[in-house]
């Protein structure tokens, strides 16, 4: 592949590397970290930290994100090291051959042990940050499976069939089980600081895919300390 210059501004920052080879870099993203630069976040993003990481290791490549996460969502973020790998994985995703699994700690108990949430998601008005389930929204499908139940909460595994903005957060709120610590879709968490969380308890747990040099790759990101503590508290209160 042709040599490329790093296209981000290098800034030293902590990176939790889950997996790396010549084609792919996989990071366990912390909370409060934006994936790529925006007007309000120009030098404190995952792209800045990756640029520095690659610069220190003499890796010359553009930063091509395979997936992105909301600022306060933790877990797996994968970055292709060249255009071919990025295109290859995107084709795999479009063909339904890539599996991304999320874990969420939610309020209450779900209506069944597993199920499918099939509800269209859209914006209630132009430029709205919020998304809602609405008849004129885009088709949106989320599969879920309950992993653990507690007195007043549950740990849920989720797989996206579609990729709408805030899809998991919106669908879980629609189901009546908003994510713990999500101030945008459960205002009571912001007011009451429910369960002592400083960020939404949503985690990109694992990624299963193939890349050109490997027929099968499975990577998993561990919970951060806050999610680990939350899980322990929920279990102890049973």
C-alpha atoms as a PDB file:
ATOM      1  CA  UNK A   1       0.000   0.000   0.000  1.00  0.00           C
ATOM      2  CA  UNK A   2       1.223   3.557  -0.666  1.00  0.00           C
ATOM      3  CA  UNK A   3       2.672   5.456   2.280  1.00  0.00           C
ATOM      4  CA  UNK A   4       0.235   7.971   3.782  1.00  0.00           C
ATOM      5  CA  UNK A   5       0.745  10.823   6.198  1.00  0.00           C
ATOM      6  CA  UNK A   6      -1.103  10.808   9.506  1.00  0.00           C
ATOM      7  CA  UNK A   7      -4.090  13.108   9.022  1.00  0.00           C
ATOM      8  CA  UNK A   8      -4.690  14.007  12.674  1.00  0.00           C
ATOM      9  CA  UNK A   9      -2.980  16.376  15.101  1.00  0.00           C
ATOM     10  CA  UNK A  10      -0.823  14.265  17.451  1.00  0.00           C
ATOM     11  CA  UNK A  11      -1.618  14.805  21.133  1.00  0.00           C
ATOM     12  CA  UNK A  12      -0.309  12.595  23.914  1.00  0.00           C
ATOM     13  CA  UNK A  13      -3.114  10.723  25.658  1.00  0.00           C
ATOM     14  CA  UNK A  14      -3.808   7.369  27.246  1.00  0.00           C
ATOM     15  CA  UNK A  15      -4.924   4.610  24.864  1.00  0.00           C
ATOM     16  CA  UNK A  16      -6.148   1.196  25.951  1.00  0.00           C
ATOM     17  CA  UNK A  17      -5.154  -1.038  23.022  1.00  0.00           C
ATOM     18  CA  UNK A  18      -7.203  -4.236  22.782  1.00  0.00           C
ATOM     19  CA  UNK A  19      -5.700  -5.567  19.546  1.00  0.00           C
ATOM     20  CA  UNK A  20      -3.278  -4.446  16.865  1.00  0.00           C
ATOM     21  CA  UNK A  21      -1.717  -5.868  13.707  1.00  0.00           C
ATOM     22  CA  UNK A  22      -0.582  -4.469  10.350  1.00  0.00           C
ATOM     23  CA  UNK A  23      -4.165  -3.903   9.235  1.00  0.00           C
ATOM     24  CA  UNK A  24      -6.156  -2.942  12.290  1.00  0.00           C
ATOM     25  CA  UNK A  25      -6.016  -1.095  15.613  1.00  0.00           C
ATOM     26  CA  UNK A  26      -8.716  -1.763  18.205  1.00  0.00           C
ATOM     27  CA  UNK A  27      -9.156   0.544  21.204  1.00  0.00           C
ATOM     28  CA  UNK A  28     -11.207   0.282  24.395  1.00  0.00           C
ATOM     29  CA  UNK A  29     -12.554   3.834  24.441  1.00  0.00           C
ATOM     30  CA  UNK A  30     -12.986   5.533  27.820  1.00  0.00           C
ATOM     31  CA  UNK A  31     -15.986   7.734  28.672  1.00  0.00           C
ATOM     32  CA  UNK A  32     -15.910  11.507  28.049  1.00  0.00           C
ATOM     33  CA  UNK A  33     -13.788  11.020  24.908  1.00  0.00           C
ATOM     34  CA  UNK A  34     -15.007  12.224  21.502  1.00  0.00           C
ATOM     35  CA  UNK A  35     -14.052   9.959  18.608  1.00  0.00           C
ATOM     36  CA  UNK A  36     -12.915  12.633  16.142  1.00  0.00           C
ATOM     37  CA  UNK A  37     -12.388  16.427  16.302  1.00  0.00           C
ATOM     38  CA  UNK A  38     -15.370  18.768  16.464  1.00  0.00           C
ATOM     39  CA  UNK A  39     -15.683  22.516  16.989  1.00  0.00           C
ATOM     40  CA  UNK A  40     -15.684  22.105  20.768  1.00  0.00           C
ATOM     41  CA  UNK A  41     -13.218  19.198  20.865  1.00  0.00           C
ATOM     42  CA  UNK A  42     -10.211  19.754  18.618  1.00  0.00           C
ATOM     43  CA  UNK A  43      -7.231  18.383  20.541  1.00  0.00           C
ATOM     44  CA  UNK A  44      -8.673  15.952  23.101  1.00  0.00           C
ATOM     45  CA  UNK A  45     -10.180  13.268  20.871  1.00  0.00           C
ATOM     46  CA  UNK A  46      -9.459   9.632  20.170  1.00  0.00           C
ATOM     47  CA  UNK A  47      -8.133  10.659  16.733  1.00  0.00           C
ATOM     48  CA  UNK A  48      -5.559  12.964  18.373  1.00  0.00           C
ATOM     49  CA  UNK A  49      -4.355  10.232  20.717  1.00  0.00           C
ATOM     50  CA  UNK A  50      -4.139   7.667  17.911  1.00  0.00           C
ATOM     51  CA  UNK A  51      -2.154  10.133  15.787  1.00  0.00           C
ATOM     52  CA  UNK A  52       0.379  10.488  18.597  1.00  0.00           C
ATOM     53  CA  UNK A  53       0.458   6.722  19.174  1.00  0.00           C
ATOM     54  CA  UNK A  54       1.180   6.098  15.486  1.00  0.00           C
ATOM     55  CA  UNK A  55       3.724   8.903  15.281  1.00  0.00           C
ATOM     56  CA  UNK A  56       5.684   7.415  18.189  1.00  0.00           C
ATOM     57  CA  UNK A  57       5.743   4.020  16.439  1.00  0.00           C
ATOM     58  CA  UNK A  58       6.527   5.379  12.956  1.00  0.00           C
ATOM     59  CA  UNK A  59       3.182   4.205  11.568  1.00  0.00           C
ATOM     60  CA  UNK A  60       2.195   6.281   8.544  1.00  0.00           C
ATOM     61  CA  UNK A  61      -1.521   5.990   7.871  1.00  0.00           C
ATOM     62  CA  UNK A  62      -4.690   8.011   7.741  1.00  0.00           C
ATOM     63  CA  UNK A  63      -7.085   7.370  10.606  1.00  0.00           C
ATOM     64  CA  UNK A  64     -10.048   5.489   9.161  1.00  0.00           C
ATOM     65  CA  UNK A  65     -12.622   4.665  11.825  1.00  0.00           C
ATOM     66  CA  UNK A  66     -14.588   1.487  11.188  1.00  0.00           C
ATOM     67  CA  UNK A  67     -17.076   2.397  13.905  1.00  0.00           C
ATOM     68  CA  UNK A  68     -17.732   5.359  16.197  1.00  0.00           C
ATOM     69  CA  UNK A  69     -19.205   5.713  19.666  1.00  0.00           C
ATOM     70  CA  UNK A  70     -21.008   8.514  21.469  1.00  0.00           C
ATOM     71  CA  UNK A  71     -18.830  10.631  23.752  1.00  0.00           C
ATOM     72  CA  UNK A  72     -19.928   8.861  26.947  1.00  0.00           C
ATOM     73  CA  UNK A  73     -20.210   5.333  25.545  1.00  0.00           C
ATOM     74  CA  UNK A  74     -17.260   3.082  26.340  1.00  0.00           C
ATOM     75  CA  UNK A  75     -15.763   0.112  24.551  1.00  0.00           C
ATOM     76  CA  UNK A  76     -14.625  -1.161  21.183  1.00  0.00           C
ATOM     77  CA  UNK A  77     -13.546   1.274  18.484  1.00  0.00           C
ATOM     78  CA  UNK A  78     -11.744  -0.174  15.457  1.00  0.00           C
ATOM     79  CA  UNK A  79      -9.488   1.751  13.081  1.00  0.00           C
ATOM     80  CA  UNK A  80      -8.268   0.513   9.691  1.00  0.00           C
ATOM     81  CA  UNK A  81      -4.633   1.204   8.831  1.00  0.00           C
ATOM     82  CA  UNK A  82      -5.160   1.531   5.105  1.00  0.00           C
ATOM     83  CA  UNK A  83      -7.872   2.273   2.569  1.00  0.00           C
ATOM     84  CA  UNK A  84      -8.156  -1.311   1.356  1.00  0.00           C
ATOM     85  CA  UNK A  85      -8.814  -2.759   4.818  1.00  0.00           C
ATOM     86  CA  UNK A  86     -11.355  -0.031   5.564  1.00  0.00           C
ATOM     87  CA  UNK A  87     -13.195  -0.746   2.316  1.00  0.00           C
ATOM     88  CA  UNK A  88     -13.021  -4.502   2.921  1.00  0.00           C
ATOM     89  CA  UNK A  89     -14.547  -4.259   6.404  1.00  0.00           C
ATOM     90  CA  UNK A  90     -17.217  -1.793   5.271  1.00  0.00           C
ATOM     91  CA  UNK A  91     -18.292  -4.314   2.624  1.00  0.00           C
ATOM     92  CA  UNK A  92     -18.387  -7.034   5.290  1.00  0.00           C
ATOM     93  CA  UNK A  93     -20.576  -4.797   7.451  1.00  0.00           C
ATOM     94  CA  UNK A  94     -22.931  -4.036   4.569  1.00  0.00           C
ATOM     95  CA  UNK A  95     -23.253  -7.777   3.959  1.00  0.00           C
ATOM     96  CA  UNK A  96     -24.136  -8.459   7.582  1.00  0.00           C
ATOM     97  CA  UNK A  97     -20.932 -10.369   8.286  1.00  0.00           C
ATOM     98  CA  UNK A  98     -19.710  -8.162  11.145  1.00  0.00           C
ATOM     99  CA  UNK A  99     -21.162  -8.645  14.629  1.00  0.00           C
ATOM    100  CA  UNK A 100     -21.012  -5.826  17.181  1.00  0.00           C
ATOM    101  CA  UNK A 101     -22.324  -6.612  20.639  1.00  0.00           C
ATOM    102  CA  UNK A 102     -23.184  -3.953  23.219  1.00  0.00           C
ATOM    103  CA  UNK A 103     -23.866  -4.300  26.931  1.00  0.00           C
ATOM    104  CA  UNK A 104     -26.160  -1.909  28.797  1.00  0.00           C
ATOM    105  CA  UNK A 105     -27.196  -1.623  32.434  1.00  0.00           C
ATOM    106  CA  UNK A 106     -30.802  -0.457  32.379  1.00  0.00           C
ATOM    107  CA  UNK A 107     -33.520   0.562  34.808  1.00  0.00           C
ATOM    108  CA  UNK A 108     -36.045  -2.135  35.685  1.00  0.00           C
ATOM    109  CA  UNK A 109     -36.704  -5.549  34.191  1.00  0.00           C
ATOM    110  CA  UNK A 110     -37.392  -6.114  30.514  1.00  0.00           C
ATOM    111  CA  UNK A 111     -40.718  -7.592  29.322  1.00  0.00           C
ATOM    112  CA  UNK A 112     -39.051 -10.842  28.216  1.00  0.00           C
ATOM    113  CA  UNK A 113     -35.699 -12.622  28.436  1.00  0.00           C
ATOM    114  CA  UNK A 114     -34.978 -11.820  24.797  1.00  0.00           C
ATOM    115  CA  UNK A 115     -36.676 -10.057  21.970  1.00  0.00           C
ATOM    116  CA  UNK A 116     -36.588  -7.690  19.012  1.00  0.00           C
ATOM    117  CA  UNK A 117     -37.347  -3.969  19.192  1.00  0.00           C
ATOM    118  CA  UNK A 118     -38.667  -2.944  15.778  1.00  0.00           C
ATOM    119  CA  UNK A 119     -39.578   0.728  15.991  1.00  0.00           C
ATOM    120  CA  UNK A 120     -38.742   3.563  13.528  1.00  0.00           C
ATOM    121  CA  UNK A 121     -36.494   6.337  14.865  1.00  0.00           C
ATOM    122  CA  UNK A 122     -36.416   9.959  13.774  1.00  0.00           C
ATOM    123  CA  UNK A 123     -35.932  13.562  14.869  1.00  0.00           C
ATOM    124  CA  UNK A 124     -38.946  15.277  16.451  1.00  0.00           C
ATOM    125  CA  UNK A 125     -37.817  18.529  14.804  1.00  0.00           C
ATOM    126  CA  UNK A 126     -34.932  19.752  12.631  1.00  0.00           C
ATOM    127  CA  UNK A 127     -31.543  19.980  14.374  1.00  0.00           C
ATOM    128  CA  UNK A 128     -32.855  18.110  17.430  1.00  0.00           C
ATOM    129  CA  UNK A 129     -30.200  16.280  19.442  1.00  0.00           C
ATOM    130  CA  UNK A 130     -32.863  13.908  20.745  1.00  0.00           C
ATOM    131  CA  UNK A 131     -34.173  11.040  18.689  1.00  0.00           C
ATOM    132  CA  UNK A 132     -37.545   9.434  19.300  1.00  0.00           C
ATOM    133  CA  UNK A 133     -39.641   6.537  18.051  1.00  0.00           C
ATOM    134  CA  UNK A 134     -42.019   8.026  15.484  1.00  0.00           C
ATOM    135  CA  UNK A 135     -44.112   6.824  12.564  1.00  0.00           C
ATOM    136  CA  UNK A 136     -42.147   8.927  10.063  1.00  0.00           C
ATOM    137  CA  UNK A 137     -38.780   7.744  11.373  1.00  0.00           C
ATOM    138  CA  UNK A 138     -36.340   5.440   9.627  1.00  0.00           C
ATOM    139  CA  UNK A 139     -36.705   1.666  10.086  1.00  0.00           C
ATOM    140  CA  UNK A 140     -34.741   0.644  13.187  1.00  0.00           C
ATOM    141  CA  UNK A 141     -34.256  -2.837  14.634  1.00  0.00           C
ATOM    142  CA  UNK A 142     -32.427  -3.880  17.803  1.00  0.00           C
ATOM    143  CA  UNK A 143     -32.119  -7.421  19.170  1.00  0.00           C
ATOM    144  CA  UNK A 144     -31.700  -7.869  22.902  1.00  0.00           C
ATOM    145  CA  UNK A 145     -31.036 -10.619  25.448  1.00  0.00           C
ATOM    146  CA  UNK A 146     -31.113 -10.259  29.226  1.00  0.00           C
ATOM    147  CA  UNK A 147     -27.835 -11.411  30.794  1.00  0.00           C
ATOM    148  CA  UNK A 148     -28.486 -10.599  34.459  1.00  0.00           C
ATOM    149  CA  UNK A 149     -31.422  -9.319  36.499  1.00  0.00           C
ATOM    150  CA  UNK A 150     -31.202  -7.366  39.754  1.00  0.00           C
ATOM    151  CA  UNK A 151     -33.818  -5.865  42.070  1.00  0.00           C
ATOM    152  CA  UNK A 152     -34.343  -2.681  40.109  1.00  0.00           C
ATOM    153  CA  UNK A 153     -32.126  -3.088  37.058  1.00  0.00           C
ATOM    154  CA  UNK A 154     -30.906  -5.463  34.362  1.00  0.00           C
ATOM    155  CA  UNK A 155     -27.794  -6.131  32.310  1.00  0.00           C
ATOM    156  CA  UNK A 156     -28.723  -6.502  28.652  1.00  0.00           C
ATOM    157  CA  UNK A 157     -26.834  -7.671  25.563  1.00  0.00           C
ATOM    158  CA  UNK A 158     -27.773  -5.819  22.372  1.00  0.00           C
ATOM    159  CA  UNK A 159     -27.104  -6.279  18.672  1.00  0.00           C
ATOM    160  CA  UNK A 160     -27.984  -3.603  16.125  1.00  0.00           C
ATOM    161  CA  UNK A 161     -29.666  -4.664  12.906  1.00  0.00           C
ATOM    162  CA  UNK A 162     -29.620  -1.013  11.771  1.00  0.00           C
ATOM    163  CA  UNK A 163     -27.369   1.881  12.733  1.00  0.00           C
ATOM    164  CA  UNK A 164     -29.450   4.916  13.662  1.00  0.00           C
ATOM    165  CA  UNK A 165     -28.156   7.744  15.854  1.00  0.00           C
ATOM    166  CA  UNK A 166     -28.668   6.875  19.558  1.00  0.00           C
ATOM    167  CA  UNK A 167     -30.535   3.741  18.467  1.00  0.00           C
ATOM    168  CA  UNK A 168     -29.884   1.627  21.569  1.00  0.00           C
ATOM    169  CA  UNK A 169     -30.604   4.514  23.924  1.00  0.00           C
ATOM    170  CA  UNK A 170     -33.853   5.420  22.163  1.00  0.00           C
ATOM    171  CA  UNK A 171     -35.085   1.834  21.832  1.00  0.00           C
ATOM    172  CA  UNK A 172     -34.434   0.997  25.488  1.00  0.00           C
ATOM    173  CA  UNK A 173     -36.247   4.155  26.606  1.00  0.00           C
ATOM    174  CA  UNK A 174     -39.132   3.226  24.286  1.00  0.00           C
ATOM    175  CA  UNK A 175     -39.246  -0.218  25.891  1.00  0.00           C
ATOM    176  CA  UNK A 176     -39.489   1.399  29.329  1.00  0.00           C
ATOM    177  CA  UNK A 177     -35.957   0.491  30.394  1.00  0.00           C
ATOM    178  CA  UNK A 178     -33.726   3.555  29.897  1.00  0.00           C
ATOM    179  CA  UNK A 179     -29.979   3.149  30.328  1.00  0.00           C
ATOM    180  CA  UNK A 180     -28.657   3.932  33.793  1.00  0.00           C
ATOM    181  CA  UNK A 181     -26.758   7.220  33.867  1.00  0.00           C
ATOM    182  CA  UNK A 182     -28.137   8.526  30.564  1.00  0.00           C
ATOM    183  CA  UNK A 183     -29.080  12.183  31.207  1.00  0.00           C
ATOM    184  CA  UNK A 184     -30.317  12.753  27.658  1.00  0.00           C
ATOM    185  CA  UNK A 185     -32.908   9.978  27.618  1.00  0.00           C
ATOM    186  CA  UNK A 186     -33.616   9.665  31.337  1.00  0.00           C
ATOM    187  CA  UNK A 187     -33.650  13.089  32.941  1.00  0.00           C
ATOM    188  CA  UNK A 188     -34.185  11.622  36.423  1.00  0.00           C
ATOM    189  CA  UNK A 189     -30.652  10.224  36.295  1.00  0.00           C
ATOM    190  CA  UNK A 190     -29.282  13.723  35.859  1.00  0.00           C
ATOM    191  CA  UNK A 191     -31.388  15.132  38.681  1.00  0.00           C
ATOM    192  CA  UNK A 192     -30.980  12.286  41.154  1.00  0.00           C
ATOM    193  CA  UNK A 193     -27.576  10.908  40.099  1.00  0.00           C
ATOM    194  CA  UNK A 194     -29.129   7.464  40.122  1.00  0.00           C
ATOM    195  CA  UNK A 195     -26.733   4.610  40.917  1.00  0.00           C
ATOM    196  CA  UNK A 196     -23.852   7.104  41.189  1.00  0.00           C
ATOM    197  CA  UNK A 197     -22.873   6.949  37.514  1.00  0.00           C
ATOM    198  CA  UNK A 198     -21.013   9.811  35.843  1.00  0.00           C
ATOM    199  CA  UNK A 199     -21.802   8.509  32.337  1.00  0.00           C
ATOM    200  CA  UNK A 200     -24.354   6.307  30.601  1.00  0.00           C
ATOM    201  CA  UNK A 201     -23.870   2.613  31.327  1.00  0.00           C
ATOM    202  CA  UNK A 202     -23.539   1.581  27.688  1.00  0.00           C
ATOM    203  CA  UNK A 203     -20.496  -0.381  26.550  1.00  0.00           C
ATOM    204  CA  UNK A 204     -19.439  -1.679  23.116  1.00  0.00           C
ATOM    205  CA  UNK A 205     -18.463  -5.103  24.409  1.00  0.00           C
ATOM    206  CA  UNK A 206     -17.173  -7.059  21.418  1.00  0.00           C
ATOM    207  CA  UNK A 207     -16.527  -7.079  17.693  1.00  0.00           C
ATOM    208  CA  UNK A 208     -16.400 -10.132  15.443  1.00  0.00           C
ATOM    209  CA  UNK A 209     -15.239  -9.760  11.858  1.00  0.00           C
ATOM    210  CA  UNK A 210     -12.784 -10.854   9.211  1.00  0.00           C
ATOM    211  CA  UNK A 211      -9.943  -8.813   7.731  1.00  0.00           C
ATOM    212  CA  UNK A 212      -7.894  -9.579   4.606  1.00  0.00           C
ATOM    213  CA  UNK A 213      -5.110 -11.425   6.464  1.00  0.00           C
ATOM    214  CA  UNK A 214      -7.398 -13.190   8.970  1.00  0.00           C
ATOM    215  CA  UNK A 215     -10.550 -15.165   8.274  1.00  0.00           C
ATOM    216  CA  UNK A 216     -11.857 -14.624  11.780  1.00  0.00           C
ATOM    217  CA  UNK A 217     -11.102 -12.061  14.460  1.00  0.00           C
ATOM    218  CA  UNK A 218     -12.896 -11.678  17.784  1.00  0.00           C
ATOM    219  CA  UNK A 219     -12.029  -8.838  20.162  1.00  0.00           C
ATOM    220  CA  UNK A 220     -13.584  -7.959  23.500  1.00  0.00           C
ATOM    221  CA  UNK A 221     -13.292  -4.842  25.656  1.00  0.00           C
ATOM    222  CA  UNK A 222     -13.442  -5.113  29.442  1.00  0.00           C
ATOM    223  CA  UNK A 223     -15.690  -2.837  31.504  1.00  0.00           C
ATOM    224  CA  UNK A 224     -14.093   0.259  32.976  1.00  0.00           C
ATOM    225  CA  UNK A 225     -13.915   0.570  36.779  1.00  0.00           C
ATOM    226  CA  UNK A 226     -17.179   2.523  36.993  1.00  0.00           C
ATOM    227  CA  UNK A 227     -19.183  -0.139  35.153  1.00  0.00           C
ATOM    228  CA  UNK A 228     -17.484  -2.888  37.166  1.00  0.00           C
ATOM    229  CA  UNK A 229     -18.403  -1.109  40.408  1.00  0.00           C
ATOM    230  CA  UNK A 230     -21.982  -0.577  39.206  1.00  0.00           C
ATOM    231  CA  UNK A 231     -22.373  -4.277  38.448  1.00  0.00           C
ATOM    232  CA  UNK A 232     -21.033  -5.193  41.906  1.00  0.00           C
ATOM    233  CA  UNK A 233     -23.369  -2.765  43.644  1.00  0.00           C
ATOM    234  CA  UNK A 234     -26.370  -4.092  41.749  1.00  0.00           C
ATOM    235  CA  UNK A 235     -25.465  -7.684  42.647  1.00  0.00           C
ATOM    236  CA  UNK A 236     -24.827  -6.841  46.309  1.00  0.00           C
ATOM    237  CA  UNK A 237     -28.247  -5.198  46.598  1.00  0.00           C
ATOM    238  CA  UNK A 238     -30.186  -8.243  45.463  1.00  0.00           C
END
